[in-house]
Amino acid sequence: MRTADLLHRAGIPTIIEIVVRQSGMAAWKTVNLPYYSLSDMICTSDSRTRSGTSDLKCPYSVGCASAVNMAKTWNSSPELRQATTLLEARRAATRLARISRHL
């Protein structure tokens, strides 16, 4: 039996799922909570570009893996960007994490 199948049957999340879910939650908190401690890790793109008008984010430092993961997770989930409450954000991040299991 493959490890991925065993994890799926047991309901245990993979490392990728955990990283995606936590990065999504951190990105949402960074954007929506004004005094969140990680708010200086990702920034808004220039408003004159398509990324800026779409509310996409970029990491301040491409050398920081967590900032890159937060930006990629935020940019890949319109549902996460539209979430207005912490519960909605958690659900969106969990859905994105489940999708990432099969990548």
PDB file of N, CA and C in Angstrom:
ATOM      1  N   MET A   1       0.844  -1.169   0.000  1.00  0.00           N
ATOM      2  CA  MET A   1       0.000   0.000   0.000  1.00  0.00           C
ATOM      3  C   MET A   1       0.898   1.245   0.000  1.00  0.00           C
ATOM      4  N   ARG A   2       0.532   2.219  -0.817  1.00  0.00           N
ATOM      5  CA  ARG A   2       1.298   3.465  -0.893  1.00  0.00           C
ATOM      6  C   ARG A   2       1.056   4.314   0.350  1.00  0.00           C
ATOM      7  N   THR A   3       2.032   5.101   0.699  1.00  0.00           N
ATOM      8  CA  THR A   3       1.925   5.977   1.871  1.00  0.00           C
ATOM      9  C   THR A   3       0.787   6.973   1.714  1.00  0.00           C
ATOM     10  N   ALA A   4       0.631   7.516   0.511  1.00  0.00           N
ATOM     11  CA  ALA A   4      -0.438   8.492   0.264  1.00  0.00           C
ATOM     12  C   ALA A   4      -1.809   7.864   0.503  1.00  0.00           C
ATOM     13  N   ASP A   5      -1.977   6.609   0.079  1.00  0.00           N
ATOM     14  CA  ASP A   5      -3.253   5.923   0.294  1.00  0.00           C
ATOM     15  C   ASP A   5      -3.502   5.665   1.776  1.00  0.00           C
ATOM     16  N   LEU A   6      -2.465   5.286   2.483  1.00  0.00           N
ATOM     17  CA  LEU A   6      -2.587   5.036   3.916  1.00  0.00           C
ATOM     18  C   LEU A   6      -2.961   6.317   4.667  1.00  0.00           C
ATOM     19  N   LEU A   7      -2.309   7.422   4.332  1.00  0.00           N
ATOM     20  CA  LEU A   7      -2.645   8.707   4.956  1.00  0.00           C
ATOM     21  C   LEU A   7      -4.086   9.102   4.666  1.00  0.00           C
ATOM     22  N   HIS A   8      -4.503   8.883   3.419  1.00  0.00           N
ATOM     23  CA  HIS A   8      -5.878   9.234   3.041  1.00  0.00           C
ATOM     24  C   HIS A   8      -6.894   8.401   3.821  1.00  0.00           C
ATOM     25  N   ARG A   9      -6.659   7.115   3.916  1.00  0.00           N
ATOM     26  CA  ARG A   9      -7.585   6.238   4.653  1.00  0.00           C
ATOM     27  C   ARG A   9      -7.643   6.579   6.135  1.00  0.00           C
ATOM     28  N   ALA A  10      -6.508   6.942   6.698  1.00  0.00           N
ATOM     29  CA  ALA A  10      -6.455   7.269   8.126  1.00  0.00           C
ATOM     30  C   ALA A  10      -6.939   8.685   8.411  1.00  0.00           C
ATOM     31  N   GLY A  11      -7.092   9.495   7.360  1.00  0.00           N
ATOM     32  CA  GLY A  11      -7.542  10.872   7.551  1.00  0.00           C
ATOM     33  C   GLY A  11      -6.452  11.794   8.065  1.00  0.00           C
ATOM     34  N   ILE A  12      -5.207  11.390   7.881  1.00  0.00           N
ATOM     35  CA  ILE A  12      -4.072  12.193   8.342  1.00  0.00           C
ATOM     36  C   ILE A  12      -3.648  13.119   7.208  1.00  0.00           C
ATOM     37  N   PRO A  13      -3.518  14.407   7.478  1.00  0.00           N
ATOM     38  CA  PRO A  13      -3.099  15.323   6.411  1.00  0.00           C
ATOM     39  C   PRO A  13      -1.623  15.140   6.066  1.00  0.00           C
ATOM     40  N   THR A  14      -1.307  15.368   4.801  1.00  0.00           N
ATOM     41  CA  THR A  14       0.087  15.306   4.369  1.00  0.00           C
ATOM     42  C   THR A  14       0.792  16.602   4.767  1.00  0.00           C
ATOM     43  N   ILE A  15       2.099  16.597   4.659  1.00  0.00           N
ATOM     44  CA  ILE A  15       2.880  17.801   4.975  1.00  0.00           C
ATOM     45  C   ILE A  15       2.458  18.954   4.062  1.00  0.00           C
ATOM     46  N   ILE A  16       2.232  18.654   2.794  1.00  0.00           N
ATOM     47  CA  ILE A  16       1.821  19.699   1.849  1.00  0.00           C
ATOM     48  C   ILE A  16       0.486  20.297   2.270  1.00  0.00           C
ATOM     49  N   GLU A  17      -0.456  19.459   2.685  1.00  0.00           N
ATOM     50  CA  GLU A  17      -1.756  19.970   3.139  1.00  0.00           C
ATOM     51  C   GLU A  17      -1.600  20.891   4.347  1.00  0.00           C
ATOM     52  N   ILE A  18      -0.761  20.500   5.269  1.00  0.00           N
ATOM     53  CA  ILE A  18      -0.551  21.317   6.470  1.00  0.00           C
ATOM     54  C   ILE A  18       0.058  22.664   6.092  1.00  0.00           C
ATOM     55  N   VAL A  19       1.059  22.644   5.217  1.00  0.00           N
ATOM     56  CA  VAL A  19       1.712  23.888   4.795  1.00  0.00           C
ATOM     57  C   VAL A  19       0.730  24.791   4.060  1.00  0.00           C
ATOM     58  N   VAL A  20      -0.070  24.223   3.158  1.00  0.00           N
ATOM     59  CA  VAL A  20      -1.030  25.025   2.390  1.00  0.00           C
ATOM     60  C   VAL A  20      -2.079  25.627   3.315  1.00  0.00           C
ATOM     61  N   ARG A  21      -2.614  24.833   4.226  1.00  0.00           N
ATOM     62  CA  ARG A  21      -3.648  25.342   5.131  1.00  0.00           C
ATOM     63  C   ARG A  21      -3.095  26.449   6.037  1.00  0.00           C
ATOM     64  N   GLN A  22      -1.933  26.229   6.610  1.00  0.00           N
ATOM     65  CA  GLN A  22      -1.354  27.234   7.502  1.00  0.00           C
ATOM     66  C   GLN A  22      -0.914  28.487   6.742  1.00  0.00           C
ATOM     67  N   SER A  23      -0.395  28.308   5.535  1.00  0.00           N
ATOM     68  CA  SER A  23      -0.008  29.468   4.725  1.00  0.00           C
ATOM     69  C   SER A  23      -1.228  30.279   4.327  1.00  0.00           C
ATOM     70  N   GLY A  24      -2.316  29.591   4.007  1.00  0.00           N
ATOM     71  CA  GLY A  24      -3.550  30.292   3.663  1.00  0.00           C
ATOM     72  C   GLY A  24      -4.096  31.092   4.827  1.00  0.00           C
ATOM     73  N   MET A  25      -4.084  30.495   6.001  1.00  0.00           N
ATOM     74  CA  MET A  25      -4.581  31.214   7.180  1.00  0.00           C
ATOM     75  C   MET A  25      -3.674  32.397   7.522  1.00  0.00           C
ATOM     76  N   ALA A  26      -2.374  32.200   7.431  1.00  0.00           N
ATOM     77  CA  ALA A  26      -1.445  33.297   7.724  1.00  0.00           C
ATOM     78  C   ALA A  26      -1.597  34.426   6.711  1.00  0.00           C
ATOM     79  N   ALA A  27      -1.797  34.072   5.442  1.00  0.00           N
ATOM     80  CA  ALA A  27      -1.980  35.100   4.413  1.00  0.00           C
ATOM     81  C   ALA A  27      -3.264  35.877   4.659  1.00  0.00           C
ATOM     82  N   TRP A  28      -4.349  35.177   4.995  1.00  0.00           N
ATOM     83  CA  TRP A  28      -5.620  35.866   5.247  1.00  0.00           C
ATOM     84  C   TRP A  28      -5.482  36.808   6.442  1.00  0.00           C
ATOM     85  N   LYS A  29      -4.854  36.338   7.502  1.00  0.00           N
ATOM     86  CA  LYS A  29      -4.669  37.183   8.688  1.00  0.00           C
ATOM     87  C   LYS A  29      -3.780  38.385   8.366  1.00  0.00           C
ATOM     88  N   THR A  30      -2.766  38.175   7.556  1.00  0.00           N
ATOM     89  CA  THR A  30      -1.869  39.261   7.177  1.00  0.00           C
ATOM     90  C   THR A  30      -2.614  40.360   6.438  1.00  0.00           C
ATOM     91  N   VAL A  31      -3.525  39.967   5.560  1.00  0.00           N
ATOM     92  CA  VAL A  31      -4.262  40.942   4.754  1.00  0.00           C
ATOM     93  C   VAL A  31      -5.399  41.578   5.543  1.00  0.00           C
ATOM     94  N   ASN A  32      -6.083  40.812   6.376  1.00  0.00           N
ATOM     95  CA  ASN A  32      -7.325  41.282   6.985  1.00  0.00           C
ATOM     96  C   ASN A  32      -7.229  41.738   8.433  1.00  0.00           C
ATOM     97  N   LEU A  33      -6.195  41.360   9.139  1.00  0.00           N
ATOM     98  CA  LEU A  33      -6.045  41.793  10.525  1.00  0.00           C
ATOM     99  C   LEU A  33      -4.943  42.844  10.585  1.00  0.00           C
ATOM    100  N   PRO A  34      -5.265  44.059  10.992  1.00  0.00           N
ATOM    101  CA  PRO A  34      -4.314  45.169  10.875  1.00  0.00           C
ATOM    102  C   PRO A  34      -3.031  45.019  11.694  1.00  0.00           C
ATOM    103  N   TYR A  35      -3.078  44.377  12.833  1.00  0.00           N
ATOM    104  CA  TYR A  35      -1.895  44.294  13.688  1.00  0.00           C
ATOM    105  C   TYR A  35      -1.342  42.875  13.782  1.00  0.00           C
ATOM    106  N   TYR A  36      -1.557  42.067  12.762  1.00  0.00           N
ATOM    107  CA  TYR A  36      -1.049  40.696  12.760  1.00  0.00           C
ATOM    108  C   TYR A  36       0.477  40.730  12.644  1.00  0.00           C
ATOM    109  N   SER A  37       1.142  39.866  13.364  1.00  0.00           N
ATOM    110  CA  SER A  37       2.608  39.925  13.475  1.00  0.00           C
ATOM    111  C   SER A  37       3.348  39.635  12.165  1.00  0.00           C
ATOM    112  N   LEU A  38       2.710  38.961  11.226  1.00  0.00           N
ATOM    113  CA  LEU A  38       3.385  38.629   9.968  1.00  0.00           C
ATOM    114  C   LEU A  38       3.014  39.579   8.832  1.00  0.00           C
ATOM    115  N   SER A  39       2.404  40.712   9.163  1.00  0.00           N
ATOM    116  CA  SER A  39       1.879  41.592   8.120  1.00  0.00           C
ATOM    117  C   SER A  39       2.953  42.195   7.224  1.00  0.00           C
ATOM    118  N   ASP A  40       4.195  42.137   7.625  1.00  0.00           N
ATOM    119  CA  ASP A  40       5.246  42.703   6.786  1.00  0.00           C
ATOM    120  C   ASP A  40       5.908  41.668   5.876  1.00  0.00           C
ATOM    121  N   MET A  41       5.333  40.476   5.759  1.00  0.00           N
ATOM    122  CA  MET A  41       5.943  39.434   4.939  1.00  0.00           C
ATOM    123  C   MET A  41       5.473  39.440   3.491  1.00  0.00           C
ATOM    124  N   ILE A  42       4.241  39.894   3.240  1.00  0.00           N
ATOM    125  CA  ILE A  42       3.757  39.966   1.866  1.00  0.00           C
ATOM    126  C   ILE A  42       3.257  41.380   1.591  1.00  0.00           C
ATOM    127  N   CYS A  43       3.323  41.772   0.332  1.00  0.00           N
ATOM    128  CA  CYS A  43       2.918  43.127  -0.031  1.00  0.00           C
ATOM    129  C   CYS A  43       1.991  43.083  -1.241  1.00  0.00           C
ATOM    130  N   THR A  44       1.306  44.169  -1.456  1.00  0.00           N
ATOM    131  CA  THR A  44       0.413  44.301  -2.599  1.00  0.00           C
ATOM    132  C   THR A  44       1.238  44.655  -3.828  1.00  0.00           C
ATOM    133  N   SER A  45       0.846  44.103  -4.950  1.00  0.00           N
ATOM    134  CA  SER A  45       1.529  44.432  -6.195  1.00  0.00           C
ATOM    135  C   SER A  45       1.204  45.860  -6.604  1.00  0.00           C
ATOM    136  N   ASP A  46       1.961  46.384  -7.535  1.00  0.00           N
ATOM    137  CA  ASP A  46       1.749  47.736  -8.041  1.00  0.00           C
ATOM    138  C   ASP A  46       0.334  47.855  -8.604  1.00  0.00           C
ATOM    139  N   SER A  47      -0.394  48.888  -8.228  1.00  0.00           N
ATOM    140  CA  SER A  47      -1.801  49.036  -8.625  1.00  0.00           C
ATOM    141  C   SER A  47      -1.971  49.248 -10.126  1.00  0.00           C
ATOM    142  N   ARG A  48      -0.905  49.558 -10.846  1.00  0.00           N
ATOM    143  CA  ARG A  48      -1.001  49.758 -12.291  1.00  0.00           C
ATOM    144  C   ARG A  48      -0.929  48.449 -13.066  1.00  0.00           C
ATOM    145  N   THR A  49      -0.694  47.339 -12.374  1.00  0.00           N
ATOM    146  CA  THR A  49      -0.570  46.046 -13.041  1.00  0.00           C
ATOM    147  C   THR A  49      -1.829  45.215 -12.830  1.00  0.00           C
ATOM    148  N   ARG A  50      -1.948  44.139 -13.604  1.00  0.00           N
ATOM    149  CA  ARG A  50      -3.094  43.236 -13.428  1.00  0.00           C
ATOM    150  C   ARG A  50      -3.083  42.592 -12.054  1.00  0.00           C
ATOM    151  N   SER A  51      -1.909  42.281 -11.544  1.00  0.00           N
ATOM    152  CA  SER A  51      -1.809  41.692 -10.205  1.00  0.00           C
ATOM    153  C   SER A  51      -2.338  42.645  -9.149  1.00  0.00           C
ATOM    154  N   GLY A  52      -2.046  43.913  -9.302  1.00  0.00           N
ATOM    155  CA  GLY A  52      -2.498  44.907  -8.334  1.00  0.00           C
ATOM    156  C   GLY A  52      -3.993  45.100  -8.355  1.00  0.00           C
ATOM    157  N   THR A  53      -4.595  45.057  -9.531  1.00  0.00           N
ATOM    158  CA  THR A  53      -6.047  45.231  -9.613  1.00  0.00           C
ATOM    159  C   THR A  53      -6.788  43.974  -9.195  1.00  0.00           C
ATOM    160  N   SER A  54      -6.118  42.834  -9.196  1.00  0.00           N
ATOM    161  CA  SER A  54      -6.747  41.568  -8.794  1.00  0.00           C
ATOM    162  C   SER A  54      -6.521  41.240  -7.330  1.00  0.00           C
ATOM    163  N   ASP A  55      -5.905  42.138  -6.568  1.00  0.00           N
ATOM    164  CA  ASP A  55      -5.605  41.937  -5.149  1.00  0.00           C
ATOM    165  C   ASP A  55      -4.651  40.765  -4.925  1.00  0.00           C
ATOM    166  N   LEU A  56      -3.725  40.568  -5.857  1.00  0.00           N
ATOM    167  CA  LEU A  56      -2.723  39.527  -5.694  1.00  0.00           C
ATOM    168  C   LEU A  56      -1.567  40.075  -4.874  1.00  0.00           C
ATOM    169  N   LYS A  57      -0.871  39.187  -4.186  1.00  0.00           N
ATOM    170  CA  LYS A  57       0.212  39.582  -3.285  1.00  0.00           C
ATOM    171  C   LYS A  57       1.538  39.016  -3.770  1.00  0.00           C
ATOM    172  N   CYS A  58       2.609  39.644  -3.334  1.00  0.00           N
ATOM    173  CA  CYS A  58       3.946  39.127  -3.614  1.00  0.00           C
ATOM    174  C   CYS A  58       4.752  39.182  -2.316  1.00  0.00           C
ATOM    175  N   PRO A  59       5.707  38.272  -2.163  1.00  0.00           N
ATOM    176  CA  PRO A  59       6.510  38.277  -0.932  1.00  0.00           C
ATOM    177  C   PRO A  59       7.504  39.433  -0.947  1.00  0.00           C
ATOM    178  N   TYR A  60       7.778  39.993   0.214  1.00  0.00           N
ATOM    179  CA  TYR A  60       8.806  41.028   0.307  1.00  0.00           C
ATOM    180  C   TYR A  60      10.174  40.445  -0.020  1.00  0.00           C
ATOM    181  N   SER A  61      10.406  39.213   0.390  1.00  0.00           N
ATOM    182  CA  SER A  61      11.694  38.567   0.146  1.00  0.00           C
ATOM    183  C   SER A  61      11.452  37.199  -0.471  1.00  0.00           C
ATOM    184  N   VAL A  62      12.000  36.957  -1.658  1.00  0.00           N
ATOM    185  CA  VAL A  62      11.818  35.654  -2.292  1.00  0.00           C
ATOM    186  C   VAL A  62      12.662  34.580  -1.616  1.00  0.00           C
ATOM    187  N   GLY A  63      13.556  34.976  -0.741  1.00  0.00           N
ATOM    188  CA  GLY A  63      14.366  34.022   0.002  1.00  0.00           C
ATOM    189  C   GLY A  63      13.670  33.454   1.224  1.00  0.00           C
ATOM    190  N   CYS A  64      12.543  34.029   1.588  1.00  0.00           N
ATOM    191  CA  CYS A  64      11.788  33.577   2.759  1.00  0.00           C
ATOM    192  C   CYS A  64      10.695  32.608   2.300  1.00  0.00           C
ATOM    193  N   ALA A  65      10.865  31.331   2.614  1.00  0.00           N
ATOM    194  CA  ALA A  65       9.936  30.303   2.137  1.00  0.00           C
ATOM    195  C   ALA A  65       8.517  30.534   2.636  1.00  0.00           C
ATOM    196  N   SER A  66       8.348  30.948   3.874  1.00  0.00           N
ATOM    197  CA  SER A  66       6.992  31.146   4.390  1.00  0.00           C
ATOM    198  C   SER A  66       6.300  32.312   3.692  1.00  0.00           C
ATOM    199  N   ALA A  67       7.022  33.373   3.369  1.00  0.00           N
ATOM    200  CA  ALA A  67       6.423  34.503   2.651  1.00  0.00           C
ATOM    201  C   ALA A  67       6.024  34.094   1.240  1.00  0.00           C
ATOM    202  N   VAL A  68       6.859  33.315   0.585  1.00  0.00           N
ATOM    203  CA  VAL A  68       6.546  32.831  -0.759  1.00  0.00           C
ATOM    204  C   VAL A  68       5.325  31.924  -0.718  1.00  0.00           C
ATOM    205  N   ASN A  69       5.263  31.014   0.264  1.00  0.00           N
ATOM    206  CA  ASN A  69       4.108  30.125   0.394  1.00  0.00           C
ATOM    207  C   ASN A  69       2.829  30.901   0.676  1.00  0.00           C
ATOM    208  N   MET A  70       2.913  31.914   1.532  1.00  0.00           N
ATOM    209  CA  MET A  70       1.730  32.726   1.834  1.00  0.00           C
ATOM    210  C   MET A  70       1.230  33.433   0.582  1.00  0.00           C
ATOM    211  N   ALA A  71       2.128  34.023  -0.185  1.00  0.00           N
ATOM    212  CA  ALA A  71       1.732  34.740  -1.395  1.00  0.00           C
ATOM    213  C   ALA A  71       1.144  33.786  -2.431  1.00  0.00           C
ATOM    214  N   LYS A  72       1.769  32.633  -2.623  1.00  0.00           N
ATOM    215  CA  LYS A  72       1.265  31.668  -3.604  1.00  0.00           C
ATOM    216  C   LYS A  72      -0.102  31.130  -3.204  1.00  0.00           C
ATOM    217  N   THR A  73      -0.282  30.851  -1.925  1.00  0.00           N
ATOM    218  CA  THR A  73      -1.571  30.350  -1.453  1.00  0.00           C
ATOM    219  C   THR A  73      -2.646  31.409  -1.626  1.00  0.00           C
ATOM    220  N   TRP A  74      -2.357  32.642  -1.241  1.00  0.00           N
ATOM    221  CA  TRP A  74      -3.310  33.749  -1.383  1.00  0.00           C
ATOM    222  C   TRP A  74      -3.690  33.935  -2.853  1.00  0.00           C
ATOM    223  N   ASN A  75      -2.710  33.921  -3.737  1.00  0.00           N
ATOM    224  CA  ASN A  75      -2.955  34.174  -5.152  1.00  0.00           C
ATOM    225  C   ASN A  75      -3.689  33.032  -5.840  1.00  0.00           C
ATOM    226  N   SER A  76      -3.571  31.818  -5.332  1.00  0.00           N
ATOM    227  CA  SER A  76      -4.186  30.673  -5.996  1.00  0.00           C
ATOM    228  C   SER A  76      -5.613  30.393  -5.539  1.00  0.00           C
ATOM    229  N   SER A  77      -6.115  31.133  -4.574  1.00  0.00           N
ATOM    230  CA  SER A  77      -7.449  30.851  -4.050  1.00  0.00           C
ATOM    231  C   SER A  77      -8.340  32.094  -4.029  1.00  0.00           C
ATOM    232  N   PRO A  78      -9.188  32.262  -5.056  1.00  0.00           N
ATOM    233  CA  PRO A  78     -10.142  33.377  -5.028  1.00  0.00           C
ATOM    234  C   PRO A  78     -11.088  33.283  -3.830  1.00  0.00           C
ATOM    235  N   GLU A  79     -11.410  32.066  -3.439  1.00  0.00           N
ATOM    236  CA  GLU A  79     -12.300  31.864  -2.294  1.00  0.00           C
ATOM    237  C   GLU A  79     -11.668  32.403  -1.009  1.00  0.00           C
ATOM    238  N   LEU A  80     -10.382  32.212  -0.857  1.00  0.00           N
ATOM    239  CA  LEU A  80      -9.673  32.734   0.313  1.00  0.00           C
ATOM    240  C   LEU A  80      -9.638  34.261   0.283  1.00  0.00           C
ATOM    241  N   ARG A  81      -9.425  34.829  -0.893  1.00  0.00           N
ATOM    242  CA  ARG A  81      -9.391  36.289  -1.012  1.00  0.00           C
ATOM    243  C   ARG A  81     -10.752  36.918  -0.740  1.00  0.00           C
ATOM    244  N   GLN A  82     -11.833  36.188  -0.994  1.00  0.00           N
ATOM    245  CA  GLN A  82     -13.180  36.720  -0.781  1.00  0.00           C
ATOM    246  C   GLN A  82     -13.702  36.472   0.627  1.00  0.00           C
ATOM    247  N   ALA A  83     -13.016  35.683   1.410  1.00  0.00           N
ATOM    248  CA  ALA A  83     -13.469  35.371   2.774  1.00  0.00           C
ATOM    249  C   ALA A  83     -13.462  36.634   3.629  1.00  0.00           C
ATOM    250  N   THR A  84     -14.543  36.813   4.389  1.00  0.00           N
ATOM    251  CA  THR A  84     -14.649  38.004   5.233  1.00  0.00           C
ATOM    252  C   THR A  84     -14.494  37.690   6.716  1.00  0.00           C
ATOM    253  N   THR A  85     -14.624  36.431   7.088  1.00  0.00           N
ATOM    254  CA  THR A  85     -14.465  36.047   8.488  1.00  0.00           C
ATOM    255  C   THR A  85     -13.376  34.986   8.611  1.00  0.00           C
ATOM    256  N   LEU A  86     -12.909  34.805   9.818  1.00  0.00           N
ATOM    257  CA  LEU A  86     -11.875  33.805  10.070  1.00  0.00           C
ATOM    258  C   LEU A  86     -12.376  32.399   9.740  1.00  0.00           C
ATOM    259  N   LEU A  87     -13.643  32.115  10.038  1.00  0.00           N
ATOM    260  CA  LEU A  87     -14.211  30.799   9.745  1.00  0.00           C
ATOM    261  C   LEU A  87     -14.261  30.547   8.239  1.00  0.00           C
ATOM    262  N   GLU A  88     -14.688  31.538   7.464  1.00  0.00           N
ATOM    263  CA  GLU A  88     -14.716  31.386   6.007  1.00  0.00           C
ATOM    264  C   GLU A  88     -13.309  31.169   5.462  1.00  0.00           C
ATOM    265  N   ALA A  89     -12.355  31.886   6.008  1.00  0.00           N
ATOM    266  CA  ALA A  89     -10.964  31.733   5.575  1.00  0.00           C
ATOM    267  C   ALA A  89     -10.445  30.339   5.907  1.00  0.00           C
ATOM    268  N   ARG A  90     -10.777  29.845   7.079  1.00  0.00           N
ATOM    269  CA  ARG A  90     -10.339  28.504   7.480  1.00  0.00           C
ATOM    270  C   ARG A  90     -10.927  27.446   6.543  1.00  0.00           C
ATOM    271  N   ARG A  91     -12.193  27.600   6.200  1.00  0.00           N
ATOM    272  CA  ARG A  91     -12.825  26.645   5.272  1.00  0.00           C
ATOM    273  C   ARG A  91     -12.179  26.705   3.893  1.00  0.00           C
ATOM    274  N   ALA A  92     -11.919  27.911   3.410  1.00  0.00           N
ATOM    275  CA  ALA A  92     -11.285  28.067   2.098  1.00  0.00           C
ATOM    276  C   ALA A  92      -9.878  27.476   2.097  1.00  0.00           C
ATOM    277  N   ALA A  93      -9.125  27.707   3.148  1.00  0.00           N
ATOM    278  CA  ALA A  93      -7.767  27.166   3.245  1.00  0.00           C
ATOM    279  C   ALA A  93      -7.793  25.645   3.328  1.00  0.00           C
ATOM    280  N   THR A  94      -8.767  25.099   4.035  1.00  0.00           N
ATOM    281  CA  THR A  94      -8.887  23.644   4.143  1.00  0.00           C
ATOM    282  C   THR A  94      -9.246  23.031   2.797  1.00  0.00           C
ATOM    283  N   ARG A  95     -10.155  23.673   2.053  1.00  0.00           N
ATOM    284  CA  ARG A  95     -10.508  23.169   0.716  1.00  0.00           C
ATOM    285  C   ARG A  95      -9.294  23.191  -0.210  1.00  0.00           C
ATOM    286  N   LEU A  96      -8.548  24.270  -0.166  1.00  0.00           N
ATOM    287  CA  LEU A  96      -7.351  24.369  -0.999  1.00  0.00           C
ATOM    288  C   LEU A  96      -6.332  23.304  -0.594  1.00  0.00           C
ATOM    289  N   ALA A  97      -6.214  23.037   0.685  1.00  0.00           N
ATOM    290  CA  ALA A  97      -5.287  22.007   1.166  1.00  0.00           C
ATOM    291  C   ALA A  97      -5.707  20.624   0.683  1.00  0.00           C
ATOM    292  N   ARG A  98      -7.002  20.350   0.671  1.00  0.00           N
ATOM    293  CA  ARG A  98      -7.479  19.047   0.180  1.00  0.00           C
ATOM    294  C   ARG A  98      -7.174  18.875  -1.300  1.00  0.00           C
ATOM    295  N   ILE A  99      -7.312  19.963  -2.057  1.00  0.00           N
ATOM    296  CA  ILE A  99      -6.990  19.901  -3.482  1.00  0.00           C
ATOM    297  C   ILE A  99      -5.498  19.637  -3.665  1.00  0.00           C
ATOM    298  N   SER A 100      -4.681  20.231  -2.825  1.00  0.00           N
ATOM    299  CA  SER A 100      -3.228  20.082  -2.955  1.00  0.00           C
ATOM    300  C   SER A 100      -2.764  18.660  -2.661  1.00  0.00           C
ATOM    301  N   ARG A 101      -3.562  17.882  -1.976  1.00  0.00           N
ATOM    302  CA  ARG A 101      -3.203  16.485  -1.694  1.00  0.00           C
ATOM    303  C   ARG A 101      -3.019  15.704  -2.986  1.00  0.00           C
ATOM    304  N   HIS A 102      -3.788  16.061  -4.000  1.00  0.00           N
ATOM    305  CA  HIS A 102      -3.783  15.289  -5.244  1.00  0.00           C
ATOM    306  C   HIS A 102      -2.851  15.872  -6.301  1.00  0.00           C
ATOM    307  N   LEU A 103      -2.049  16.854  -5.934  1.00  0.00           N
ATOM    308  CA  LEU A 103      -1.110  17.438  -6.912  1.00  0.00           C
ATOM    309  C   LEU A 103       0.179  16.667  -6.957  1.00  0.00           C
TER     310      LEU A 103
END
